N, C-alpha and C. Protein backbone atom coordinates (compact mmCIF):
# COMPACT_ATOMS: atom_id res chain seq x y z
N MET A 1 238.77 266.44 -18.41
CA MET A 1 239.81 265.68 -19.05
C MET A 1 239.70 264.23 -18.61
N ARG A 2 239.72 263.35 -19.56
CA ARG A 2 239.54 261.94 -19.27
C ARG A 2 240.64 261.37 -18.40
N SER A 3 241.89 261.74 -18.63
CA SER A 3 242.99 261.18 -17.86
C SER A 3 242.89 261.58 -16.39
N ARG A 4 242.45 262.78 -16.09
CA ARG A 4 242.31 263.21 -14.70
C ARG A 4 241.17 262.46 -14.03
N SER A 5 240.06 262.28 -14.73
CA SER A 5 238.96 261.52 -14.18
C SER A 5 239.38 260.07 -13.95
N SER A 6 240.14 259.50 -14.86
CA SER A 6 240.63 258.14 -14.71
C SER A 6 241.56 258.04 -13.51
N LEU A 7 242.40 259.04 -13.30
CA LEU A 7 243.30 259.05 -12.16
C LEU A 7 242.50 259.08 -10.86
N ALA A 8 241.49 259.93 -10.80
CA ALA A 8 240.66 260.02 -9.60
C ALA A 8 240.01 258.67 -9.30
N LYS A 9 239.47 258.01 -10.32
CA LYS A 9 238.83 256.71 -10.13
C LYS A 9 239.85 255.66 -9.71
N ALA A 10 241.03 255.67 -10.31
CA ALA A 10 242.05 254.69 -9.96
C ALA A 10 242.49 254.84 -8.51
N VAL A 11 242.69 256.08 -8.06
CA VAL A 11 243.09 256.31 -6.68
C VAL A 11 241.98 255.86 -5.74
N ALA A 12 240.73 256.16 -6.08
CA ALA A 12 239.60 255.76 -5.25
C ALA A 12 239.53 254.25 -5.12
N VAL A 13 239.63 253.55 -6.23
CA VAL A 13 239.56 252.09 -6.22
C VAL A 13 240.71 251.50 -5.40
N ALA A 14 241.92 252.02 -5.58
CA ALA A 14 243.07 251.50 -4.84
C ALA A 14 242.88 251.68 -3.34
N ALA A 15 242.42 252.84 -2.93
CA ALA A 15 242.22 253.11 -1.50
C ALA A 15 241.14 252.21 -0.92
N LEU A 16 240.05 252.02 -1.65
CA LEU A 16 238.96 251.19 -1.17
C LEU A 16 239.34 249.72 -1.15
N CYS A 17 240.08 249.27 -2.15
CA CYS A 17 240.51 247.87 -2.18
C CYS A 17 241.46 247.58 -1.03
N PHE A 18 242.30 248.54 -0.68
CA PHE A 18 243.19 248.36 0.45
C PHE A 18 242.37 248.12 1.72
N GLY A 19 241.33 248.88 1.90
CA GLY A 19 240.46 248.68 3.05
C GLY A 19 239.75 247.33 3.00
N ALA A 20 239.32 246.90 1.81
CA ALA A 20 238.65 245.62 1.66
C ALA A 20 239.58 244.47 1.97
N ALA A 21 240.84 244.60 1.64
CA ALA A 21 241.80 243.54 1.89
C ALA A 21 242.02 243.33 3.38
N GLN A 22 241.70 244.32 4.20
CA GLN A 22 241.89 244.21 5.64
C GLN A 22 240.68 243.60 6.34
N ALA A 23 239.63 243.25 5.62
CA ALA A 23 238.37 242.85 6.23
C ALA A 23 238.38 241.48 6.87
N HIS A 24 239.44 240.74 6.77
CA HIS A 24 239.49 239.40 7.33
C HIS A 24 239.73 239.39 8.83
N ALA A 25 240.17 240.47 9.42
CA ALA A 25 240.49 240.52 10.85
C ALA A 25 239.22 240.63 11.68
N ALA A 26 239.32 240.27 13.00
CA ALA A 26 238.16 240.35 13.89
C ALA A 26 237.63 241.78 13.96
N ASN A 27 238.50 242.74 14.12
CA ASN A 27 238.15 244.16 14.05
C ASN A 27 238.90 244.68 12.83
N PRO A 28 238.29 244.64 11.66
CA PRO A 28 239.02 244.77 10.40
C PRO A 28 239.80 246.06 10.18
N PHE A 29 239.43 247.14 10.84
CA PHE A 29 240.08 248.41 10.54
C PHE A 29 240.97 248.92 11.67
N ARG A 30 241.04 248.22 12.76
CA ARG A 30 241.79 248.70 13.93
C ARG A 30 243.24 249.03 13.58
N GLY A 31 243.91 248.19 12.82
CA GLY A 31 245.31 248.39 12.48
C GLY A 31 245.57 249.51 11.50
N LEU A 32 244.52 250.10 10.95
CA LEU A 32 244.70 251.16 9.95
C LEU A 32 244.70 252.56 10.54
N SER A 33 244.45 252.68 11.81
CA SER A 33 244.35 254.00 12.42
C SER A 33 245.63 254.80 12.23
N GLY A 34 245.50 256.03 11.80
CA GLY A 34 246.65 256.91 11.68
C GLY A 34 246.82 257.50 10.30
N ASN A 35 248.03 257.98 10.07
CA ASN A 35 248.35 258.67 8.82
C ASN A 35 249.33 257.86 8.00
N TRP A 36 249.27 258.04 6.71
CA TRP A 36 250.16 257.37 5.76
C TRP A 36 250.53 258.37 4.68
N SER A 37 251.75 258.28 4.17
CA SER A 37 252.12 259.11 3.02
C SER A 37 253.07 258.31 2.15
N GLY A 38 253.08 258.65 0.88
CA GLY A 38 253.95 257.95 -0.06
C GLY A 38 253.99 258.68 -1.38
N SER A 39 254.85 258.21 -2.26
CA SER A 39 254.97 258.83 -3.57
C SER A 39 255.17 257.75 -4.62
N GLY A 40 254.98 258.13 -5.86
CA GLY A 40 255.14 257.20 -6.97
C GLY A 40 255.04 257.92 -8.29
N GLN A 41 254.78 257.15 -9.33
CA GLN A 41 254.66 257.68 -10.69
C GLN A 41 253.38 257.13 -11.31
N PHE A 42 252.79 257.88 -12.22
CA PHE A 42 251.68 257.38 -13.02
C PHE A 42 251.87 257.84 -14.46
N ARG A 43 251.24 257.12 -15.37
CA ARG A 43 251.36 257.42 -16.79
C ARG A 43 250.02 257.93 -17.31
N LEU A 44 250.05 259.06 -18.00
CA LEU A 44 248.86 259.65 -18.61
C LEU A 44 248.56 258.96 -19.93
N GLU A 45 247.34 259.15 -20.44
CA GLU A 45 246.95 258.53 -21.70
C GLU A 45 247.85 258.94 -22.87
N ASP A 46 248.43 260.13 -22.83
CA ASP A 46 249.28 260.58 -23.93
C ASP A 46 250.71 260.03 -23.81
N GLY A 47 250.97 259.18 -22.79
CA GLY A 47 252.27 258.56 -22.64
C GLY A 47 253.21 259.26 -21.68
N ARG A 48 252.89 260.50 -21.29
CA ARG A 48 253.73 261.20 -20.33
C ARG A 48 253.61 260.57 -18.95
N SER A 49 254.69 260.63 -18.16
CA SER A 49 254.68 260.17 -16.78
C SER A 49 254.84 261.36 -15.85
N GLU A 50 254.24 261.25 -14.67
CA GLU A 50 254.37 262.30 -13.66
C GLU A 50 254.59 261.66 -12.31
N SER A 51 255.28 262.37 -11.45
CA SER A 51 255.43 261.96 -10.06
C SER A 51 254.18 262.37 -9.31
N ILE A 52 253.82 261.58 -8.32
CA ILE A 52 252.64 261.88 -7.51
C ILE A 52 252.99 261.64 -6.04
N ARG A 53 252.42 262.44 -5.18
CA ARG A 53 252.62 262.33 -3.73
C ARG A 53 251.26 262.25 -3.08
N CYS A 54 251.10 261.30 -2.13
CA CYS A 54 249.81 261.10 -1.48
C CYS A 54 249.95 261.12 0.04
N ASN A 55 248.91 261.60 0.71
CA ASN A 55 248.79 261.57 2.16
C ASN A 55 247.40 261.04 2.49
N ALA A 56 247.32 260.15 3.46
CA ALA A 56 246.03 259.58 3.85
C ALA A 56 245.88 259.62 5.36
N ASN A 57 244.63 259.72 5.79
CA ASN A 57 244.29 259.67 7.20
C ASN A 57 243.18 258.64 7.35
N TYR A 58 243.43 257.60 8.15
CA TYR A 58 242.47 256.53 8.39
C TYR A 58 241.95 256.66 9.82
N VAL A 59 240.62 256.65 9.99
CA VAL A 59 240.01 256.77 11.31
C VAL A 59 239.00 255.63 11.51
N PRO A 60 239.40 254.55 12.22
CA PRO A 60 238.46 253.46 12.51
C PRO A 60 237.34 253.95 13.43
N ARG A 61 236.12 253.50 13.15
CA ARG A 61 234.94 253.84 13.96
C ARG A 61 234.10 252.58 14.11
N GLY A 62 234.23 251.87 15.23
CA GLY A 62 233.49 250.62 15.41
C GLY A 62 233.89 249.61 14.33
N THR A 63 232.92 249.18 13.54
CA THR A 63 233.22 248.27 12.42
C THR A 63 233.43 249.04 11.12
N GLY A 64 233.56 250.36 11.21
CA GLY A 64 233.71 251.20 10.02
C GLY A 64 235.07 251.87 9.97
N LEU A 65 235.28 252.55 8.87
CA LEU A 65 236.53 253.29 8.65
C LEU A 65 236.24 254.55 7.87
N GLY A 66 236.72 255.67 8.38
CA GLY A 66 236.69 256.92 7.64
C GLY A 66 238.05 257.10 6.98
N LEU A 67 238.07 257.55 5.75
CA LEU A 67 239.31 257.71 5.00
C LEU A 67 239.33 259.07 4.32
N ALA A 68 240.44 259.77 4.46
CA ALA A 68 240.67 261.02 3.73
C ALA A 68 242.00 260.86 3.02
N LEU A 69 242.00 261.01 1.71
CA LEU A 69 243.19 260.80 0.89
C LEU A 69 243.38 262.01 -0.02
N ARG A 70 244.60 262.55 -0.03
CA ARG A 70 244.95 263.65 -0.94
C ARG A 70 246.18 263.25 -1.72
N CYS A 71 246.09 263.35 -3.04
CA CYS A 71 247.22 263.07 -3.92
C CYS A 71 247.39 264.25 -4.86
N ALA A 72 248.64 264.59 -5.17
CA ALA A 72 248.91 265.71 -6.07
C ALA A 72 250.13 265.41 -6.93
N SER A 73 250.04 265.87 -8.18
CA SER A 73 251.16 265.82 -9.12
C SER A 73 251.26 267.21 -9.73
N ALA A 74 252.13 267.35 -10.71
CA ALA A 74 252.29 268.66 -11.36
C ALA A 74 251.01 269.12 -12.04
N SER A 75 250.20 268.19 -12.56
CA SER A 75 249.01 268.60 -13.31
C SER A 75 247.70 268.07 -12.74
N ASN A 76 247.73 267.30 -11.66
CA ASN A 76 246.51 266.70 -11.12
C ASN A 76 246.47 266.83 -9.61
N LYS A 77 245.26 266.87 -9.09
CA LYS A 77 245.04 266.85 -7.66
C LYS A 77 243.79 266.01 -7.40
N VAL A 78 243.87 265.12 -6.43
CA VAL A 78 242.74 264.26 -6.08
C VAL A 78 242.51 264.38 -4.59
N GLU A 79 241.25 264.61 -4.20
CA GLU A 79 240.87 264.66 -2.79
C GLU A 79 239.72 263.70 -2.59
N LEU A 80 240.02 262.57 -1.98
CA LEU A 80 239.05 261.50 -1.80
C LEU A 80 238.62 261.40 -0.35
N ARG A 81 237.34 261.24 -0.12
CA ARG A 81 236.79 260.93 1.19
C ARG A 81 236.00 259.64 1.03
N ALA A 82 236.11 258.74 2.00
CA ALA A 82 235.36 257.49 1.94
C ALA A 82 234.93 257.08 3.33
N SER A 83 233.85 256.34 3.37
CA SER A 83 233.34 255.77 4.61
C SER A 83 233.03 254.31 4.33
N LEU A 84 233.74 253.40 5.00
CA LEU A 84 233.58 251.96 4.79
C LEU A 84 233.00 251.31 6.03
N VAL A 85 232.27 250.21 5.83
CA VAL A 85 231.71 249.43 6.93
C VAL A 85 231.97 247.96 6.63
N ALA A 86 232.44 247.22 7.64
CA ALA A 86 232.65 245.78 7.50
C ALA A 86 231.45 245.06 8.10
N ARG A 87 230.89 244.14 7.34
CA ARG A 87 229.79 243.29 7.81
C ARG A 87 230.14 241.86 7.43
N GLY A 88 230.46 241.06 8.43
CA GLY A 88 230.90 239.69 8.14
C GLY A 88 232.18 239.74 7.35
N ASN A 89 232.18 239.08 6.19
CA ASN A 89 233.39 239.07 5.36
C ASN A 89 233.25 239.98 4.14
N LYS A 90 232.40 241.00 4.24
CA LYS A 90 232.23 241.96 3.15
C LYS A 90 232.46 243.38 3.64
N VAL A 91 232.92 244.23 2.75
CA VAL A 91 233.13 245.64 3.04
C VAL A 91 232.31 246.44 2.04
N SER A 92 231.60 247.44 2.54
CA SER A 92 230.83 248.31 1.65
C SER A 92 230.96 249.74 2.15
N GLY A 93 230.55 250.66 1.31
CA GLY A 93 230.59 252.05 1.72
C GLY A 93 230.41 252.99 0.55
N SER A 94 230.76 254.23 0.80
CA SER A 94 230.63 255.25 -0.24
C SER A 94 231.92 256.06 -0.30
N TRP A 95 232.14 256.69 -1.46
CA TRP A 95 233.32 257.53 -1.63
C TRP A 95 232.93 258.78 -2.41
N GLU A 96 233.72 259.82 -2.22
CA GLU A 96 233.49 261.09 -2.90
C GLU A 96 234.85 261.69 -3.25
N GLU A 97 235.02 262.08 -4.49
CA GLU A 97 236.24 262.75 -4.92
C GLU A 97 235.87 264.20 -5.15
N ARG A 98 236.50 265.11 -4.42
CA ARG A 98 236.06 266.50 -4.40
C ARG A 98 236.62 267.35 -5.54
N SER A 99 237.79 267.06 -6.05
CA SER A 99 238.37 267.87 -7.13
C SER A 99 237.61 267.73 -8.44
N TYR A 100 237.12 266.52 -8.71
CA TYR A 100 236.43 266.25 -9.98
C TYR A 100 234.95 266.00 -9.80
N ASN A 101 234.46 266.18 -8.56
CA ASN A 101 233.05 266.02 -8.26
C ASN A 101 232.53 264.65 -8.70
N ALA A 102 233.24 263.60 -8.29
CA ALA A 102 232.84 262.23 -8.59
C ALA A 102 232.51 261.52 -7.28
N SER A 103 231.58 260.59 -7.33
CA SER A 103 231.23 259.83 -6.12
C SER A 103 230.68 258.48 -6.53
N GLY A 104 230.58 257.60 -5.56
CA GLY A 104 230.03 256.29 -5.86
C GLY A 104 229.92 255.43 -4.62
N GLN A 105 229.46 254.22 -4.84
CA GLN A 105 229.30 253.24 -3.80
C GLN A 105 230.32 252.13 -4.00
N PHE A 106 230.67 251.45 -2.93
CA PHE A 106 231.63 250.37 -2.98
C PHE A 106 231.07 249.17 -2.24
N THR A 107 231.11 248.01 -2.86
CA THR A 107 230.74 246.76 -2.21
C THR A 107 231.72 245.69 -2.64
N SER A 108 232.34 245.04 -1.67
CA SER A 108 233.29 243.97 -2.00
C SER A 108 232.56 242.64 -2.10
N HIS A 109 233.19 241.72 -2.79
CA HIS A 109 232.74 240.34 -2.74
C HIS A 109 233.29 239.77 -1.43
N SER A 110 233.02 238.55 -1.14
CA SER A 110 233.53 237.95 0.09
C SER A 110 235.05 238.10 0.15
N VAL A 111 235.54 238.53 1.31
CA VAL A 111 236.96 238.70 1.53
C VAL A 111 237.40 237.61 2.49
N ARG A 112 238.43 236.91 2.13
CA ARG A 112 238.91 235.81 2.99
C ARG A 112 240.01 236.26 3.88
């Protein structure tokens, strides 16, 4: 289903961009260590809205960050794993979404 695949990609991009936004610090991922949870709403292509709940675990490793993110709604489930590395003012890494068997690479432009 296209809407589920789009949701998985949107969650992956949001999680990775959050990590990229932190790359300006001397040790860019130190402050991210720990767990996070939250909820919200998303709109499907057919116009319906659903509530979604997410839990994340961030594990800084040297200049890198391991990320595990799980989000679920009434009709969707996303399980994202990512590994990011900061080099200078750029962040790169890989991600894998397990529910929809999607994966990819991530490279940021210069982060200020």
